Amino acid sequence: MASFRIRYKDRFGEESKLIEKGIKLTANPPFEEASRGFRFGAAVVEYAEILRESKHVDDIDMDRVVEIVASSADNSFEQQEFLSLSEQVRGLLTRP
C-alpha cells in the first residue's frame, strides 16, 4: 500500500541511518476488536465532535459514546471521571 523512510542520526553520531518500512493494506477489523485504549480514544474524539456540533459526526450519538467509554475505560481516575462526565452530558443533551 505504502512505504516510508526515516533517516536519523544517533545523538552523538556522525553517520545517518536509514529505516525503510512497507505498509500493507489488510482487512479492517471490526471496531469492537480494537484495543481498549483505541476505543476509549475514539470515544473521546466523538464526544468532542458532538459537543462542537461538528459536521464530521456521522451515525454516532452520546448514548453510543457512553456505551463505548463504559466498555473500554479502565479503573484509572481519569477514565472513570470521563465516563461520569459523558453520562452527565448525555443527560443534559436528552432533556426536553
PDB file of N, CA and C in Angstrom:
ATOM      1  N   MET A   1       0.817  -1.195   0.000  1.00  0.00           N
ATOM      2  CA  MET A   1       0.000   0.000   0.000  1.00  0.00           C
ATOM      3  C   MET A   1       0.863   1.262   0.000  1.00  0.00           C
ATOM      4  N   ALA A   2       1.832   1.292   0.913  1.00  0.00           N
ATOM      5  CA  ALA A   2       2.684   2.475   1.023  1.00  0.00           C
ATOM      6  C   ALA A   2       4.012   2.092   1.653  1.00  0.00           C
ATOM      7  N   SER A   3       4.938   2.997   1.590  1.00  0.00           N
ATOM      8  CA  SER A   3       6.210   2.784   2.266  1.00  0.00           C
ATOM      9  C   SER A   3       6.678   4.120   2.823  1.00  0.00           C
ATOM     10  N   PHE A   4       7.527   4.039   3.817  1.00  0.00           N
ATOM     11  CA  PHE A   4       8.079   5.274   4.362  1.00  0.00           C
ATOM     12  C   PHE A   4       9.556   5.075   4.672  1.00  0.00           C
ATOM     13  N   ARG A   5      10.263   6.179   4.699  1.00  0.00           N
ATOM     14  CA  ARG A   5      11.681   6.186   5.001  1.00  0.00           C
ATOM     15  C   ARG A   5      11.947   7.239   6.067  1.00  0.00           C
ATOM     16  N   ILE A   6      12.763   6.855   7.000  1.00  0.00           N
ATOM     17  CA  ILE A   6      13.180   7.789   8.053  1.00  0.00           C
ATOM     18  C   ILE A   6      14.700   7.732   8.118  1.00  0.00           C
ATOM     19  N   ARG A   7      15.304   8.883   8.090  1.00  0.00           N
ATOM     20  CA  ARG A   7      16.749   8.959   8.225  1.00  0.00           C
ATOM     21  C   ARG A   7      17.025   9.735   9.511  1.00  0.00           C
ATOM     22  N   TYR A   8      17.928   9.213  10.326  1.00  0.00           N
ATOM     23  CA  TYR A   8      18.222   9.855  11.604  1.00  0.00           C
ATOM     24  C   TYR A   8      19.685   9.658  11.955  1.00  0.00           C
ATOM     25  N   LYS A   9      20.141  10.452  12.909  1.00  0.00           N
ATOM     26  CA  LYS A   9      21.491  10.293  13.458  1.00  0.00           C
ATOM     27  C   LYS A   9      21.361  10.031  14.947  1.00  0.00           C
ATOM     28  N   ASP A  10      22.229   9.173  15.443  1.00  0.00           N
ATOM     29  CA  ASP A  10      22.294   8.999  16.884  1.00  0.00           C
ATOM     30  C   ASP A  10      22.695  10.324  17.518  1.00  0.00           C
ATOM     31  N   ARG A  11      22.389  10.479  18.774  1.00  0.00           N
ATOM     32  CA  ARG A  11      22.601  11.759  19.443  1.00  0.00           C
ATOM     33  C   ARG A  11      24.014  12.315  19.232  1.00  0.00           C
ATOM     34  N   PHE A  12      25.006  11.478  19.363  1.00  0.00           N
ATOM     35  CA  PHE A  12      26.384  11.946  19.199  1.00  0.00           C
ATOM     36  C   PHE A  12      27.034  11.329  17.964  1.00  0.00           C
ATOM     37  N   GLY A  13      26.223  10.778  17.092  1.00  0.00           N
ATOM     38  CA  GLY A  13      26.766  10.113  15.911  1.00  0.00           C
ATOM     39  C   GLY A  13      27.035  11.079  14.771  1.00  0.00           C
ATOM     40  N   GLU A  14      27.855  10.631  13.878  1.00  0.00           N
ATOM     41  CA  GLU A  14      28.195  11.414  12.696  1.00  0.00           C
ATOM     42  C   GLU A  14      27.479  10.883  11.457  1.00  0.00           C
ATOM     43  N   GLU A  15      27.209   9.594  11.447  1.00  0.00           N
ATOM     44  CA  GLU A  15      26.642   8.953  10.273  1.00  0.00           C
ATOM     45  C   GLU A  15      25.126   8.791  10.425  1.00  0.00           C
ATOM     46  N   SER A  16      24.393   9.158   9.378  1.00  0.00           N
ATOM     47  CA  SER A  16      22.942   8.991   9.436  1.00  0.00           C
ATOM     48  C   SER A  16      22.574   7.548   9.124  1.00  0.00           C
ATOM     49  N   LYS A  17      21.448   7.119   9.675  1.00  0.00           N
ATOM     50  CA  LYS A  17      20.941   5.762   9.467  1.00  0.00           C
ATOM     51  C   LYS A  17      19.573   5.861   8.799  1.00  0.00           C
ATOM     52  N   LEU A  18      19.292   4.901   7.959  1.00  0.00           N
ATOM     53  CA  LEU A  18      18.044   4.894   7.213  1.00  0.00           C
ATOM     54  C   LEU A  18      17.206   3.703   7.636  1.00  0.00           C
ATOM     55  N   ILE A  19      15.929   3.964   7.896  1.00  0.00           N
ATOM     56  CA  ILE A  19      14.955   2.906   8.163  1.00  0.00           C
ATOM     57  C   ILE A  19      13.916   2.991   7.059  1.00  0.00           C
ATOM     58  N   GLU A  20      13.663   1.879   6.404  1.00  0.00           N
ATOM     59  CA  GLU A  20      12.632   1.804   5.371  1.00  0.00           C
ATOM     60  C   GLU A  20      11.645   0.708   5.758  1.00  0.00           C
ATOM     61  N   LYS A  21      10.364   1.031   5.698  1.00  0.00           N
ATOM     62  CA  LYS A  21       9.317   0.063   6.031  1.00  0.00           C
ATOM     63  C   LYS A  21       8.201   0.152   5.011  1.00  0.00           C
ATOM     64  N   GLY A  22       7.640  -0.988   4.710  1.00  0.00           N
ATOM     65  CA  GLY A  22       6.466  -1.040   3.851  1.00  0.00           C
ATOM     66  C   GLY A  22       5.223  -1.233   4.698  1.00  0.00           C
ATOM     67  N   ILE A  23       4.129  -0.681   4.249  1.00  0.00           N
ATOM     68  CA  ILE A  23       2.856  -0.813   4.945  1.00  0.00           C
ATOM     69  C   ILE A  23       1.905  -1.555   4.033  1.00  0.00           C
ATOM     70  N   LYS A  24       1.398  -2.669   4.513  1.00  0.00           N
ATOM     71  CA  LYS A  24       0.464  -3.461   3.725  1.00  0.00           C
ATOM     72  C   LYS A  24      -0.960  -3.137   4.166  1.00  0.00           C
ATOM     73  N   LEU A  25      -1.836  -3.093   3.214  1.00  0.00           N
ATOM     74  CA  LEU A  25      -3.248  -2.871   3.500  1.00  0.00           C
ATOM     75  C   LEU A  25      -3.872  -4.220   3.818  1.00  0.00           C
ATOM     76  N   THR A  26      -4.430  -4.330   5.004  1.00  0.00           N
ATOM     77  CA  THR A  26      -5.106  -5.562   5.395  1.00  0.00           C
ATOM     78  C   THR A  26      -6.562  -5.252   5.652  1.00  0.00           C
ATOM     79  N   ALA A  27      -7.341  -6.280   5.792  1.00  0.00           N
ATOM     80  CA  ALA A  27      -8.763  -6.078   6.089  1.00  0.00           C
ATOM     81  C   ALA A  27      -8.903  -5.344   7.414  1.00  0.00           C
ATOM     82  N   ASN A  28      -9.800  -4.387   7.450  1.00  0.00           N
ATOM     83  CA  ASN A  28     -10.033  -3.641   8.679  1.00  0.00           C
ATOM     84  C   ASN A  28     -10.831  -4.488   9.660  1.00  0.00           C
ATOM     85  N   PRO A  29     -10.284  -4.731  10.842  1.00  0.00           N
ATOM     86  CA  PRO A  29     -11.045  -5.496  11.821  1.00  0.00           C
ATOM     87  C   PRO A  29     -12.202  -4.660  12.355  1.00  0.00           C
ATOM     88  N   PRO A  30     -13.209  -5.293  12.884  1.00  0.00           N
ATOM     89  CA  PRO A  30     -14.327  -4.539  13.469  1.00  0.00           C
ATOM     90  C   PRO A  30     -13.847  -3.649  14.619  1.00  0.00           C
ATOM     91  N   PHE A  31     -14.535  -2.549  14.810  1.00  0.00           N
ATOM     92  CA  PHE A  31     -14.194  -1.592  15.870  1.00  0.00           C
ATOM     93  C   PHE A  31     -14.132  -2.282  17.230  1.00  0.00           C
ATOM     94  N   GLU A  32     -15.042  -3.214  17.468  1.00  0.00           N
ATOM     95  CA  GLU A  32     -15.110  -3.906  18.753  1.00  0.00           C
ATOM     96  C   GLU A  32     -13.860  -4.728  19.039  1.00  0.00           C
ATOM     97  N   GLU A  33     -13.083  -5.069  18.006  1.00  0.00           N
ATOM     98  CA  GLU A  33     -11.866  -5.845  18.191  1.00  0.00           C
ATOM     99  C   GLU A  33     -10.636  -4.967  18.404  1.00  0.00           C
ATOM    100  N   ALA A  34     -10.801  -3.661  18.306  1.00  0.00           N
ATOM    101  CA  ALA A  34      -9.681  -2.742  18.547  1.00  0.00           C
ATOM    102  C   ALA A  34      -9.323  -2.771  20.029  1.00  0.00           C
ATOM    103  N   SER A  35      -8.147  -2.307  20.353  1.00  0.00           N
ATOM    104  CA  SER A  35      -7.718  -2.287  21.752  1.00  0.00           C
ATOM    105  C   SER A  35      -8.616  -1.368  22.575  1.00  0.00           C
ATOM    106  N   ARG A  36      -8.642  -1.604  23.873  1.00  0.00           N
ATOM    107  CA  ARG A  36      -9.445  -0.763  24.765  1.00  0.00           C
ATOM    108  C   ARG A  36      -9.009   0.690  24.664  1.00  0.00           C
ATOM    109  N   GLY A  37      -7.712   0.918  24.620  1.00  0.00           N
ATOM    110  CA  GLY A  37      -7.202   2.289  24.528  1.00  0.00           C
ATOM    111  C   GLY A  37      -7.636   2.992  23.266  1.00  0.00           C
ATOM    112  N   PHE A  38      -7.612   2.262  22.146  1.00  0.00           N
ATOM    113  CA  PHE A  38      -8.045   2.846  20.881  1.00  0.00           C
ATOM    114  C   PHE A  38      -9.523   3.191  20.934  1.00  0.00           C
ATOM    115  N   ARG A  39     -10.356   2.266  21.436  1.00  0.00           N
ATOM    116  CA  ARG A  39     -11.797   2.528  21.518  1.00  0.00           C
ATOM    117  C   ARG A  39     -12.087   3.698  22.441  1.00  0.00           C
ATOM    118  N   PHE A  40     -11.378   3.775  23.570  1.00  0.00           N
ATOM    119  CA  PHE A  40     -11.586   4.886  24.501  1.00  0.00           C
ATOM    120  C   PHE A  40     -11.214   6.204  23.828  1.00  0.00           C
ATOM    121  N   GLY A  41     -10.065   6.238  23.169  1.00  0.00           N
ATOM    122  CA  GLY A  41      -9.632   7.452  22.481  1.00  0.00           C
ATOM    123  C   GLY A  41     -10.605   7.880  21.400  1.00  0.00           C
ATOM    124  N   ALA A  42     -11.126   6.911  20.643  1.00  0.00           N
ATOM    125  CA  ALA A  42     -12.103   7.225  19.594  1.00  0.00           C
ATOM    126  C   ALA A  42     -13.372   7.818  20.205  1.00  0.00           C
ATOM    127  N   ALA A  43     -13.775   7.300  21.355  1.00  0.00           N
ATOM    128  CA  ALA A  43     -14.969   7.828  22.023  1.00  0.00           C
ATOM    129  C   ALA A  43     -14.743   9.258  22.510  1.00  0.00           C
ATOM    130  N   VAL A  44     -13.552   9.548  22.990  1.00  0.00           N
ATOM    131  CA  VAL A  44     -13.228  10.915  23.434  1.00  0.00           C
ATOM    132  C   VAL A  44     -13.311  11.882  22.253  1.00  0.00           C
ATOM    133  N   VAL A  45     -12.795  11.468  21.107  1.00  0.00           N
ATOM    134  CA  VAL A  45     -12.848  12.315  19.915  1.00  0.00           C
ATOM    135  C   VAL A  45     -14.297  12.545  19.485  1.00  0.00           C
ATOM    136  N   GLU A  46     -15.095  11.493  19.461  1.00  0.00           N
ATOM    137  CA  GLU A  46     -16.504  11.642  19.078  1.00  0.00           C
ATOM    138  C   GLU A  46     -17.254  12.538  20.056  1.00  0.00           C
ATOM    139  N   TYR A  47     -16.953  12.411  21.337  1.00  0.00           N
ATOM    140  CA  TYR A  47     -17.549  13.253  22.372  1.00  0.00           C
ATOM    141  C   TYR A  47     -17.302  14.725  22.036  1.00  0.00           C
ATOM    142  N   ALA A  48     -16.048  15.049  21.724  1.00  0.00           N
ATOM    143  CA  ALA A  48     -15.701  16.435  21.394  1.00  0.00           C
ATOM    144  C   ALA A  48     -16.411  16.889  20.129  1.00  0.00           C
ATOM    145  N   GLU A  49     -16.482  16.016  19.136  1.00  0.00           N
ATOM    146  CA  GLU A  49     -17.142  16.374  17.879  1.00  0.00           C
ATOM    147  C   GLU A  49     -18.632  16.618  18.089  1.00  0.00           C
ATOM    148  N   ILE A  50     -19.253  15.825  18.925  1.00  0.00           N
ATOM    149  CA  ILE A  50     -20.683  16.021  19.215  1.00  0.00           C
ATOM    150  C   ILE A  50     -20.890  17.353  19.919  1.00  0.00           C
ATOM    151  N   LEU A  51     -20.066  17.651  20.909  1.00  0.00           N
ATOM    152  CA  LEU A  51     -20.233  18.897  21.671  1.00  0.00           C
ATOM    153  C   LEU A  51     -20.034  20.134  20.803  1.00  0.00           C
ATOM    154  N   ARG A  52     -19.155  20.058  19.845  1.00  0.00           N
ATOM    155  CA  ARG A  52     -18.927  21.236  18.990  1.00  0.00           C
ATOM    156  C   ARG A  52     -19.835  21.235  17.768  1.00  0.00           C
ATOM    157  N   GLU A  53     -20.759  20.253  17.733  1.00  0.00           N
ATOM    158  CA  GLU A  53     -21.720  20.127  16.633  1.00  0.00           C
ATOM    159  C   GLU A  53     -20.995  20.099  15.289  1.00  0.00           C
ATOM    160  N   SER A  54     -19.977  19.267  15.222  1.00  0.00           N
ATOM    161  CA  SER A  54     -19.157  19.156  14.026  1.00  0.00           C
ATOM    162  C   SER A  54     -19.918  18.500  12.885  1.00  0.00           C
ATOM    163  N   LYS A  55     -19.600  18.899  11.682  1.00  0.00           N
ATOM    164  CA  LYS A  55     -20.196  18.280  10.507  1.00  0.00           C
ATOM    165  C   LYS A  55     -19.638  16.881  10.289  1.00  0.00           C
ATOM    166  N   HIS A  56     -18.605  16.510  11.027  1.00  0.00           N
ATOM    167  CA  HIS A  56     -17.969  15.205  10.865  1.00  0.00           C
ATOM    168  C   HIS A  56     -18.616  14.115  11.719  1.00  0.00           C
ATOM    169  N   VAL A  57     -19.611  14.469  12.510  1.00  0.00           N
ATOM    170  CA  VAL A  57     -20.320  13.466  13.299  1.00  0.00           C
ATOM    171  C   VAL A  57     -21.257  12.721  12.358  1.00  0.00           C
ATOM    172  N   ASP A  58     -21.060  11.424  12.271  1.00  0.00           N
ATOM    173  CA  ASP A  58     -21.880  10.630  11.358  1.00  0.00           C
ATOM    174  C   ASP A  58     -23.053  10.010  12.103  1.00  0.00           C
ATOM    175  N   ASP A  59     -22.980   8.732  12.305  1.00  0.00           N
ATOM    176  CA  ASP A  59     -24.095   7.999  12.898  1.00  0.00           C
ATOM    177  C   ASP A  59     -23.853   7.670  14.363  1.00  0.00           C
ATOM    178  N   ILE A  60     -23.221   8.549  15.086  1.00  0.00           N
ATOM    179  CA  ILE A  60     -22.959   8.282  16.492  1.00  0.00           C
ATOM    180  C   ILE A  60     -23.609   9.368  17.330  1.00  0.00           C
ATOM    181  N   ASP A  61     -24.105   8.979  18.474  1.00  0.00           N
ATOM    182  CA  ASP A  61     -24.704   9.942  19.392  1.00  0.00           C
ATOM    183  C   ASP A  61     -24.096   9.728  20.776  1.00  0.00           C
ATOM    184  N   MET A  62     -24.507  10.547  21.720  1.00  0.00           N
ATOM    185  CA  MET A  62     -23.913  10.489  23.052  1.00  0.00           C
ATOM    186  C   MET A  62     -24.204   9.157  23.743  1.00  0.00           C
ATOM    187  N   ASP A  63     -25.325   8.526  23.439  1.00  0.00           N
ATOM    188  CA  ASP A  63     -25.599   7.196  24.010  1.00  0.00           C
ATOM    189  C   ASP A  63     -24.511   6.210  23.604  1.00  0.00           C
ATOM    190  N   ARG A  64     -24.136   6.233  22.329  1.00  0.00           N
ATOM    191  CA  ARG A  64     -23.104   5.316  21.832  1.00  0.00           C
ATOM    192  C   ARG A  64     -21.751   5.671  22.426  1.00  0.00           C
ATOM    193  N   VAL A  65     -21.458   6.961  22.579  1.00  0.00           N
ATOM    194  CA  VAL A  65     -20.196   7.374  23.197  1.00  0.00           C
ATOM    195  C   VAL A  65     -20.105   6.816  24.608  1.00  0.00           C
ATOM    196  N   VAL A  66     -21.161   6.956  25.394  1.00  0.00           N
ATOM    197  CA  VAL A  66     -21.161   6.449  26.769  1.00  0.00           C
ATOM    198  C   VAL A  66     -20.986   4.931  26.766  1.00  0.00           C
ATOM    199  N   GLU A  67     -21.633   4.259  25.843  1.00  0.00           N
ATOM    200  CA  GLU A  67     -21.512   2.806  25.736  1.00  0.00           C
ATOM    201  C   GLU A  67     -20.062   2.393  25.452  1.00  0.00           C
ATOM    202  N   ILE A  68     -19.420   3.078  24.525  1.00  0.00           N
ATOM    203  CA  ILE A  68     -18.029   2.762  24.187  1.00  0.00           C
ATOM    204  C   ILE A  68     -17.113   3.062  25.369  1.00  0.00           C
ATOM    205  N   VAL A  69     -17.299   4.209  26.001  1.00  0.00           N
ATOM    206  CA  VAL A  69     -16.460   4.581  27.141  1.00  0.00           C
ATOM    207  C   VAL A  69     -16.640   3.576  28.274  1.00  0.00           C
ATOM    208  N   ALA A  70     -17.875   3.191  28.564  1.00  0.00           N
ATOM    209  CA  ALA A  70     -18.137   2.248  29.645  1.00  0.00           C
ATOM    210  C   ALA A  70     -17.484   0.891  29.387  1.00  0.00           C
ATOM    211  N   SER A  71     -17.449   0.472  28.127  1.00  0.00           N
ATOM    212  CA  SER A  71     -16.881  -0.838  27.814  1.00  0.00           C
ATOM    213  C   SER A  71     -15.363  -0.814  27.654  1.00  0.00           C
ATOM    214  N   SER A  72     -14.772   0.365  27.520  1.00  0.00           N
ATOM    215  CA  SER A  72     -13.330   0.416  27.267  1.00  0.00           C
ATOM    216  C   SER A  72     -12.528   1.106  28.365  1.00  0.00           C
ATOM    217  N   ALA A  73     -13.182   1.803  29.271  1.00  0.00           N
ATOM    218  CA  ALA A  73     -12.455   2.522  30.321  1.00  0.00           C
ATOM    219  C   ALA A  73     -11.836   1.543  31.303  1.00  0.00           C
ATOM    220  N   ASP A  74     -10.634   1.873  31.744  1.00  0.00           N
ATOM    221  CA  ASP A  74     -10.029   1.065  32.797  1.00  0.00           C
ATOM    222  C   ASP A  74     -10.420   1.674  34.142  1.00  0.00           C
ATOM    223  N   ASN A  75      -9.762   1.278  35.189  1.00  0.00           N
ATOM    224  CA  ASN A  75     -10.128   1.770  36.520  1.00  0.00           C
ATOM    225  C   ASN A  75      -9.385   3.034  36.924  1.00  0.00           C
ATOM    226  N   SER A  76      -8.680   3.660  35.986  1.00  0.00           N
ATOM    227  CA  SER A  76      -7.960   4.883  36.333  1.00  0.00           C
ATOM    228  C   SER A  76      -8.951   5.993  36.668  1.00  0.00           C
ATOM    229  N   PHE A  77      -8.514   6.887  37.518  1.00  0.00           N
ATOM    230  CA  PHE A  77      -9.358   8.004  37.929  1.00  0.00           C
ATOM    231  C   PHE A  77      -9.797   8.818  36.725  1.00  0.00           C
ATOM    232  N   GLU A  78      -8.867   9.097  35.808  1.00  0.00           N
ATOM    233  CA  GLU A  78      -9.169   9.950  34.665  1.00  0.00           C
ATOM    234  C   GLU A  78     -10.231   9.341  33.757  1.00  0.00           C
ATOM    235  N   GLN A  79     -10.113   8.056  33.479  1.00  0.00           N
ATOM    236  CA  GLN A  79     -11.074   7.420  32.591  1.00  0.00           C
ATOM    237  C   GLN A  79     -12.434   7.250  33.267  1.00  0.00           C
ATOM    238  N   GLN A  80     -12.446   6.959  34.544  1.00  0.00           N
ATOM    239  CA  GLN A  80     -13.722   6.871  35.259  1.00  0.00           C
ATOM    240  C   GLN A  80     -14.385   8.239  35.362  1.00  0.00           C
ATOM    241  N   GLU A  81     -13.588   9.275  35.532  1.00  0.00           N
ATOM    242  CA  GLU A  81     -14.118  10.645  35.566  1.00  0.00           C
ATOM    243  C   GLU A  81     -14.713  11.023  34.214  1.00  0.00           C
ATOM    244  N   PHE A  82     -14.054  10.625  33.131  1.00  0.00           N
ATOM    245  CA  PHE A  82     -14.587  10.918  31.802  1.00  0.00           C
ATOM    246  C   PHE A  82     -15.888  10.162  31.569  1.00  0.00           C
ATOM    247  N   LEU A  83     -15.976   8.941  32.056  1.00  0.00           N
ATOM    248  CA  LEU A  83     -17.221   8.186  31.946  1.00  0.00           C
ATOM    249  C   LEU A  83     -18.353   8.916  32.667  1.00  0.00           C
ATOM    250  N   SER A  84     -18.075   9.383  33.878  1.00  0.00           N
ATOM    251  CA  SER A  84     -19.080  10.128  34.642  1.00  0.00           C
ATOM    252  C   SER A  84     -19.489  11.412  33.911  1.00  0.00           C
ATOM    253  N   LEU A  85     -18.513  12.126  33.384  1.00  0.00           N
ATOM    254  CA  LEU A  85     -18.786  13.360  32.649  1.00  0.00           C
ATOM    255  C   LEU A  85     -19.624  13.073  31.405  1.00  0.00           C
ATOM    256  N   SER A  86     -19.308  12.007  30.689  1.00  0.00           N
ATOM    257  CA  SER A  86     -20.057  11.629  29.483  1.00  0.00           C
ATOM    258  C   SER A  86     -21.508  11.319  29.820  1.00  0.00           C
ATOM    259  N   GLU A  87     -21.717  10.627  30.914  1.00  0.00           N
ATOM    260  CA  GLU A  87     -23.081  10.301  31.331  1.00  0.00           C
ATOM    261  C   GLU A  87     -23.862  11.566  31.688  1.00  0.00           C
ATOM    262  N   GLN A  88     -23.197  12.517  32.349  1.00  0.00           N
ATOM    263  CA  GLN A  88     -23.856  13.778  32.704  1.00  0.00           C
ATOM    264  C   GLN A  88     -24.225  14.570  31.456  1.00  0.00           C
ATOM    265  N   VAL A  89     -23.321  14.638  30.506  1.00  0.00           N
ATOM    266  CA  VAL A  89     -23.588  15.368  29.267  1.00  0.00           C
ATOM    267  C   VAL A  89     -24.714  14.693  28.485  1.00  0.00           C
ATOM    268  N   ARG A  90     -24.712  13.377  28.460  1.00  0.00           N
ATOM    269  CA  ARG A  90     -25.800  12.661  27.771  1.00  0.00           C
ATOM    270  C   ARG A  90     -27.140  13.054  28.390  1.00  0.00           C
ATOM    271  N   GLY A  91     -27.195  13.147  29.709  1.00  0.00           N
ATOM    272  CA  GLY A  91     -28.426  13.562  30.372  1.00  0.00           C
ATOM    273  C   GLY A  91     -28.843  14.973  30.006  1.00  0.00           C
ATOM    274  N   LEU A  92     -27.858  15.858  29.889  1.00  0.00           N
ATOM    275  CA  LEU A  92     -28.172  17.248  29.509  1.00  0.00           C
ATOM    276  C   LEU A  92     -28.653  17.348  28.070  1.00  0.00           C
ATOM    277  N   LEU A  93     -28.072  16.547  27.190  1.00  0.00           N
ATOM    278  CA  LEU A  93     -28.441  16.620  25.770  1.00  0.00           C
ATOM    279  C   LEU A  93     -29.793  15.985  25.485  1.00  0.00           C
ATOM    280  N   THR A  94     -30.268  15.105  26.356  1.00  0.00           N
ATOM    281  CA  THR A  94     -31.532  14.430  26.109  1.00  0.00           C
ATOM    282  C   THR A  94     -32.697  15.061  26.876  1.00  0.00           C
ATOM    283  N   ARG A  95     -32.425  16.119  27.596  1.00  0.00           N
ATOM    284  CA  ARG A  95     -33.523  16.813  28.300  1.00  0.00           C
ATOM    285  C   ARG A  95     -34.439  17.492  27.314  1.00  0.00           C
ATOM    286  N   PRO A  96     -35.752  17.510  27.637  1.00  0.00           N
ATOM    287  CA  PRO A  96     -36.707  18.191  26.731  1.00  0.00           C
ATOM    288  C   PRO A  96     -36.539  19.696  26.734  1.00  0.00           C
TER     289      PRO A  96
END
